[in-house]
Amino acid sequence: MNIAYNAVLQAATAALASCGYRATRASHHYRVIQSLAHTIDAETNVVIKLDHFRKKRNIGGYEQAGVISQQEAEEMIELADELRGRIRQWIGNNHPELLREE
């Protein structure tokens, strides 16, 4: 789940940066996740789910192992894949000069 979470965080950071902003160091992950509602118009339930995963990741990474289930890890991977595509498309539509041609 950690890799998928980090992929979403990087993609969300790219969307925020493409708008000319960056999150402050304090509560960086929280702010980047919340920004998705303003950059790509992410639905509230998507932002809430990502914030839930952020909290679970913090517990699993810093306090207690094994708090993330296999199902949650799979959900995070699916969400990361969906958001990566959505953010890439949003950047392409709104800031095409920032994308490399493939």
N, C-alpha and C. Protein backbone atom coordinates (compact mmCIF):
# COMPACT_ATOMS: atom_id res chain seq x y z
N MET A 1 0.81 -1.19 0.00
CA MET A 1 0.00 0.00 0.00
C MET A 1 0.86 1.25 0.00
N ASN A 2 2.00 1.19 0.62
CA ASN A 2 2.86 2.37 0.75
C ASN A 2 3.27 2.92 -0.62
N ILE A 3 3.60 2.04 -1.54
CA ILE A 3 4.01 2.48 -2.88
C ILE A 3 2.83 3.16 -3.59
N ALA A 4 1.65 2.56 -3.50
CA ALA A 4 0.47 3.15 -4.14
C ALA A 4 0.13 4.50 -3.51
N TYR A 5 0.22 4.59 -2.19
CA TYR A 5 -0.04 5.85 -1.50
C TYR A 5 0.94 6.92 -1.97
N ASN A 6 2.21 6.57 -2.02
CA ASN A 6 3.23 7.53 -2.46
C ASN A 6 3.02 7.95 -3.91
N ALA A 7 2.54 7.03 -4.75
CA ALA A 7 2.26 7.37 -6.14
C ALA A 7 1.15 8.42 -6.22
N VAL A 8 0.10 8.24 -5.43
CA VAL A 8 -0.99 9.22 -5.40
C VAL A 8 -0.47 10.55 -4.88
N LEU A 9 0.33 10.51 -3.83
CA LEU A 9 0.86 11.74 -3.25
C LEU A 9 1.70 12.51 -4.27
N GLN A 10 2.53 11.81 -5.03
CA GLN A 10 3.35 12.46 -6.05
C GLN A 10 2.50 13.03 -7.18
N ALA A 11 1.50 12.28 -7.61
CA ALA A 11 0.62 12.77 -8.68
C ALA A 11 -0.17 14.00 -8.21
N ALA A 12 -0.67 13.94 -6.98
CA ALA A 12 -1.41 15.09 -6.44
C ALA A 12 -0.50 16.30 -6.27
N THR A 13 0.75 16.06 -5.89
CA THR A 13 1.73 17.14 -5.77
C THR A 13 1.99 17.76 -7.14
N ALA A 14 2.04 16.93 -8.18
CA ALA A 14 2.25 17.44 -9.54
C ALA A 14 1.07 18.32 -9.97
N ALA A 15 -0.14 17.91 -9.64
CA ALA A 15 -1.32 18.72 -9.99
C ALA A 15 -1.27 20.06 -9.26
N LEU A 16 -0.91 20.03 -8.00
CA LEU A 16 -0.82 21.26 -7.21
C LEU A 16 0.27 22.17 -7.76
N ALA A 17 1.42 21.59 -8.08
CA ALA A 17 2.54 22.38 -8.62
C ALA A 17 2.20 22.96 -9.99
N SER A 18 1.44 22.23 -10.79
CA SER A 18 1.07 22.75 -12.11
C SER A 18 0.20 23.99 -12.01
N CYS A 19 -0.43 24.17 -10.85
CA CYS A 19 -1.23 25.38 -10.60
C CYS A 19 -0.40 26.48 -9.95
N GLY A 20 0.88 26.19 -9.73
CA GLY A 20 1.77 27.20 -9.16
C GLY A 20 1.84 27.20 -7.64
N TYR A 21 1.39 26.12 -7.01
CA TYR A 21 1.39 26.04 -5.55
C TYR A 21 2.22 24.86 -5.07
N ARG A 22 2.54 24.91 -3.78
CA ARG A 22 3.14 23.75 -3.12
C ARG A 22 2.65 23.74 -1.68
N ALA A 23 2.62 22.57 -1.11
CA ALA A 23 2.15 22.43 0.28
C ALA A 23 3.29 22.77 1.23
N THR A 24 2.92 23.36 2.35
CA THR A 24 3.92 23.65 3.38
C THR A 24 4.36 22.34 4.02
N ARG A 25 5.50 22.36 4.68
CA ARG A 25 6.03 21.14 5.30
C ARG A 25 5.09 20.62 6.39
N ALA A 26 4.51 21.51 7.16
CA ALA A 26 3.58 21.07 8.21
C ALA A 26 2.33 20.49 7.56
N SER A 27 1.99 19.27 7.92
CA SER A 27 0.80 18.59 7.39
C SER A 27 0.83 18.47 5.87
N HIS A 28 2.00 18.26 5.32
CA HIS A 28 2.20 18.20 3.86
C HIS A 28 1.26 17.19 3.20
N HIS A 29 1.23 15.96 3.68
CA HIS A 29 0.41 14.93 3.05
C HIS A 29 -1.06 15.30 3.10
N TYR A 30 -1.51 15.76 4.24
CA TYR A 30 -2.91 16.16 4.41
C TYR A 30 -3.28 17.26 3.41
N ARG A 31 -2.45 18.27 3.31
CA ARG A 31 -2.75 19.41 2.44
C ARG A 31 -2.75 19.01 0.96
N VAL A 32 -1.82 18.16 0.57
CA VAL A 32 -1.76 17.72 -0.82
C VAL A 32 -3.01 16.91 -1.17
N ILE A 33 -3.42 16.02 -0.27
CA ILE A 33 -4.63 15.23 -0.51
C ILE A 33 -5.85 16.13 -0.60
N GLN A 34 -5.97 17.07 0.32
CA GLN A 34 -7.12 17.99 0.30
C GLN A 34 -7.14 18.84 -0.96
N SER A 35 -5.98 19.16 -1.50
CA SER A 35 -5.90 20.01 -2.70
C SER A 35 -6.55 19.37 -3.92
N LEU A 36 -6.68 18.05 -3.93
CA LEU A 36 -7.28 17.37 -5.08
C LEU A 36 -8.71 17.85 -5.35
N ALA A 37 -9.41 18.27 -4.32
CA ALA A 37 -10.76 18.79 -4.50
C ALA A 37 -10.74 20.09 -5.30
N HIS A 38 -9.63 20.81 -5.24
CA HIS A 38 -9.54 22.10 -5.91
C HIS A 38 -8.79 22.03 -7.25
N THR A 39 -7.88 21.08 -7.38
CA THR A 39 -7.13 20.98 -8.63
C THR A 39 -7.92 20.19 -9.66
N ILE A 40 -8.17 18.91 -9.38
CA ILE A 40 -8.85 18.07 -10.37
C ILE A 40 -10.34 17.90 -10.08
N ASP A 41 -10.86 18.66 -9.13
CA ASP A 41 -12.27 18.55 -8.72
C ASP A 41 -12.61 17.14 -8.26
N ALA A 42 -11.71 16.55 -7.48
CA ALA A 42 -11.95 15.21 -6.95
C ALA A 42 -13.18 15.22 -6.06
N GLU A 43 -13.95 14.17 -6.15
CA GLU A 43 -15.15 14.04 -5.35
C GLU A 43 -14.79 13.95 -3.87
N THR A 44 -15.70 14.39 -3.02
CA THR A 44 -15.47 14.38 -1.57
C THR A 44 -15.15 12.97 -1.08
N ASN A 45 -15.86 11.96 -1.59
CA ASN A 45 -15.62 10.60 -1.12
C ASN A 45 -14.22 10.11 -1.47
N VAL A 46 -13.66 10.57 -2.58
CA VAL A 46 -12.29 10.20 -2.96
C VAL A 46 -11.30 10.83 -1.99
N VAL A 47 -11.49 12.10 -1.68
CA VAL A 47 -10.60 12.79 -0.75
C VAL A 47 -10.69 12.16 0.64
N ILE A 48 -11.90 11.83 1.07
CA ILE A 48 -12.08 11.19 2.38
C ILE A 48 -11.39 9.84 2.41
N LYS A 49 -11.54 9.06 1.35
CA LYS A 49 -10.90 7.74 1.30
C LYS A 49 -9.38 7.87 1.34
N LEU A 50 -8.83 8.82 0.58
CA LEU A 50 -7.38 9.03 0.61
C LEU A 50 -6.91 9.46 1.99
N ASP A 51 -7.67 10.31 2.64
CA ASP A 51 -7.29 10.75 3.98
C ASP A 51 -7.36 9.59 4.96
N HIS A 52 -8.32 8.71 4.78
CA HIS A 52 -8.40 7.50 5.60
C HIS A 52 -7.15 6.64 5.41
N PHE A 53 -6.74 6.45 4.17
CA PHE A 53 -5.53 5.69 3.89
C PHE A 53 -4.30 6.38 4.47
N ARG A 54 -4.28 7.71 4.42
CA ARG A 54 -3.16 8.46 5.00
C ARG A 54 -3.05 8.17 6.50
N LYS A 55 -4.17 8.20 7.18
CA LYS A 55 -4.17 7.92 8.62
C LYS A 55 -3.74 6.49 8.91
N LYS A 56 -4.27 5.54 8.14
CA LYS A 56 -3.89 4.13 8.33
C LYS A 56 -2.41 3.93 8.05
N ARG A 57 -1.90 4.60 7.03
CA ARG A 57 -0.48 4.48 6.69
C ARG A 57 0.37 5.01 7.83
N ASN A 58 -0.03 6.12 8.43
CA ASN A 58 0.73 6.66 9.56
C ASN A 58 0.77 5.68 10.72
N ILE A 59 -0.36 5.07 11.03
CA ILE A 59 -0.39 4.09 12.12
C ILE A 59 0.47 2.89 11.75
N GLY A 60 0.29 2.38 10.54
CA GLY A 60 1.05 1.21 10.09
C GLY A 60 2.53 1.48 9.94
N GLY A 61 2.89 2.69 9.60
CA GLY A 61 4.29 3.02 9.38
C GLY A 61 5.04 3.44 10.62
N TYR A 62 4.32 3.99 11.58
CA TYR A 62 5.01 4.57 12.73
C TYR A 62 4.63 3.96 14.08
N GLU A 63 3.44 3.37 14.18
CA GLU A 63 2.98 2.95 15.48
C GLU A 63 2.78 1.45 15.62
N GLN A 64 2.12 0.83 14.64
CA GLN A 64 1.73 -0.55 14.79
C GLN A 64 1.68 -1.23 13.43
N ALA A 65 2.32 -2.36 13.32
CA ALA A 65 2.32 -3.11 12.05
C ALA A 65 1.01 -3.89 11.91
N GLY A 66 0.63 -4.17 10.68
CA GLY A 66 -0.50 -5.04 10.41
C GLY A 66 -1.87 -4.40 10.49
N VAL A 67 -1.96 -3.08 10.48
CA VAL A 67 -3.28 -2.44 10.57
C VAL A 67 -3.94 -2.27 9.21
N ILE A 68 -3.20 -2.52 8.15
CA ILE A 68 -3.73 -2.37 6.79
C ILE A 68 -4.03 -3.76 6.24
N SER A 69 -5.28 -3.98 5.88
CA SER A 69 -5.69 -5.29 5.38
C SER A 69 -5.29 -5.45 3.91
N GLN A 70 -5.34 -6.68 3.44
CA GLN A 70 -5.07 -6.96 2.04
C GLN A 70 -6.08 -6.23 1.15
N GLN A 71 -7.34 -6.23 1.56
CA GLN A 71 -8.38 -5.55 0.79
C GLN A 71 -8.10 -4.05 0.71
N GLU A 72 -7.68 -3.43 1.81
CA GLU A 72 -7.36 -2.00 1.80
C GLU A 72 -6.18 -1.72 0.89
N ALA A 73 -5.19 -2.59 0.92
CA ALA A 73 -4.03 -2.41 0.04
C ALA A 73 -4.45 -2.47 -1.42
N GLU A 74 -5.32 -3.43 -1.75
CA GLU A 74 -5.80 -3.55 -3.13
C GLU A 74 -6.64 -2.33 -3.53
N GLU A 75 -7.46 -1.82 -2.61
CA GLU A 75 -8.25 -0.61 -2.89
C GLU A 75 -7.34 0.58 -3.15
N MET A 76 -6.27 0.69 -2.38
CA MET A 76 -5.35 1.81 -2.55
C MET A 76 -4.65 1.72 -3.90
N ILE A 77 -4.28 0.51 -4.31
CA ILE A 77 -3.63 0.32 -5.61
C ILE A 77 -4.59 0.73 -6.74
N GLU A 78 -5.85 0.29 -6.65
CA GLU A 78 -6.85 0.67 -7.67
C GLU A 78 -7.06 2.18 -7.71
N LEU A 79 -7.17 2.78 -6.53
CA LEU A 79 -7.38 4.22 -6.45
C LEU A 79 -6.17 4.98 -7.01
N ALA A 80 -4.98 4.49 -6.71
CA ALA A 80 -3.76 5.13 -7.23
C ALA A 80 -3.73 5.08 -8.75
N ASP A 81 -4.08 3.93 -9.30
CA ASP A 81 -4.08 3.78 -10.76
C ASP A 81 -5.10 4.73 -11.40
N GLU A 82 -6.29 4.78 -10.81
CA GLU A 82 -7.34 5.66 -11.34
C GLU A 82 -6.93 7.14 -11.24
N LEU A 83 -6.42 7.54 -10.09
CA LEU A 83 -6.06 8.95 -9.89
C LEU A 83 -4.86 9.36 -10.73
N ARG A 84 -3.92 8.46 -10.92
CA ARG A 84 -2.77 8.78 -11.76
C ARG A 84 -3.24 9.15 -13.17
N GLY A 85 -4.11 8.32 -13.72
CA GLY A 85 -4.65 8.61 -15.05
C GLY A 85 -5.46 9.88 -15.09
N ARG A 86 -6.25 10.06 -14.08
CA ARG A 86 -7.10 11.26 -14.01
C ARG A 86 -6.28 12.54 -13.89
N ILE A 87 -5.25 12.49 -13.05
CA ILE A 87 -4.39 13.67 -12.86
C ILE A 87 -3.59 13.94 -14.13
N ARG A 88 -3.09 12.88 -14.76
CA ARG A 88 -2.33 13.06 -16.00
C ARG A 88 -3.21 13.70 -17.07
N GLN A 89 -4.43 13.23 -17.18
CA GLN A 89 -5.36 13.80 -18.16
C GLN A 89 -5.68 15.26 -17.81
N TRP A 90 -5.88 15.55 -16.53
CA TRP A 90 -6.17 16.91 -16.10
C TRP A 90 -5.01 17.85 -16.43
N ILE A 91 -3.79 17.40 -16.15
CA ILE A 91 -2.62 18.23 -16.48
C ILE A 91 -2.54 18.42 -17.99
N GLY A 92 -2.78 17.36 -18.75
CA GLY A 92 -2.75 17.46 -20.21
C GLY A 92 -3.77 18.44 -20.75
N ASN A 93 -4.94 18.47 -20.14
CA ASN A 93 -6.00 19.39 -20.58
C ASN A 93 -5.76 20.83 -20.13
N ASN A 94 -5.18 21.00 -18.95
CA ASN A 94 -5.05 22.34 -18.37
C ASN A 94 -3.65 22.94 -18.47
N HIS A 95 -2.65 22.09 -18.55
CA HIS A 95 -1.26 22.55 -18.62
C HIS A 95 -0.45 21.62 -19.54
N PRO A 96 -0.83 21.51 -20.82
CA PRO A 96 -0.19 20.54 -21.71
C PRO A 96 1.31 20.77 -21.87
N GLU A 97 1.76 21.99 -21.68
CA GLU A 97 3.19 22.30 -21.81
C GLU A 97 4.03 21.59 -20.75
N LEU A 98 3.40 21.07 -19.72
CA LEU A 98 4.14 20.40 -18.64
C LEU A 98 4.34 18.91 -18.89
N LEU A 99 3.69 18.36 -19.91
CA LEU A 99 3.80 16.93 -20.19
C LEU A 99 4.79 16.67 -21.31
N ARG A 100 5.54 15.59 -21.14
CA ARG A 100 6.42 15.13 -22.22
C ARG A 100 5.60 14.35 -23.22
N GLU A 101 5.97 14.46 -24.46
CA GLU A 101 5.31 13.66 -25.50
C GLU A 101 5.83 12.24 -25.39
N GLU A 102 4.92 11.28 -25.54
CA GLU A 102 5.33 9.87 -25.46
C GLU A 102 5.32 9.24 -26.81
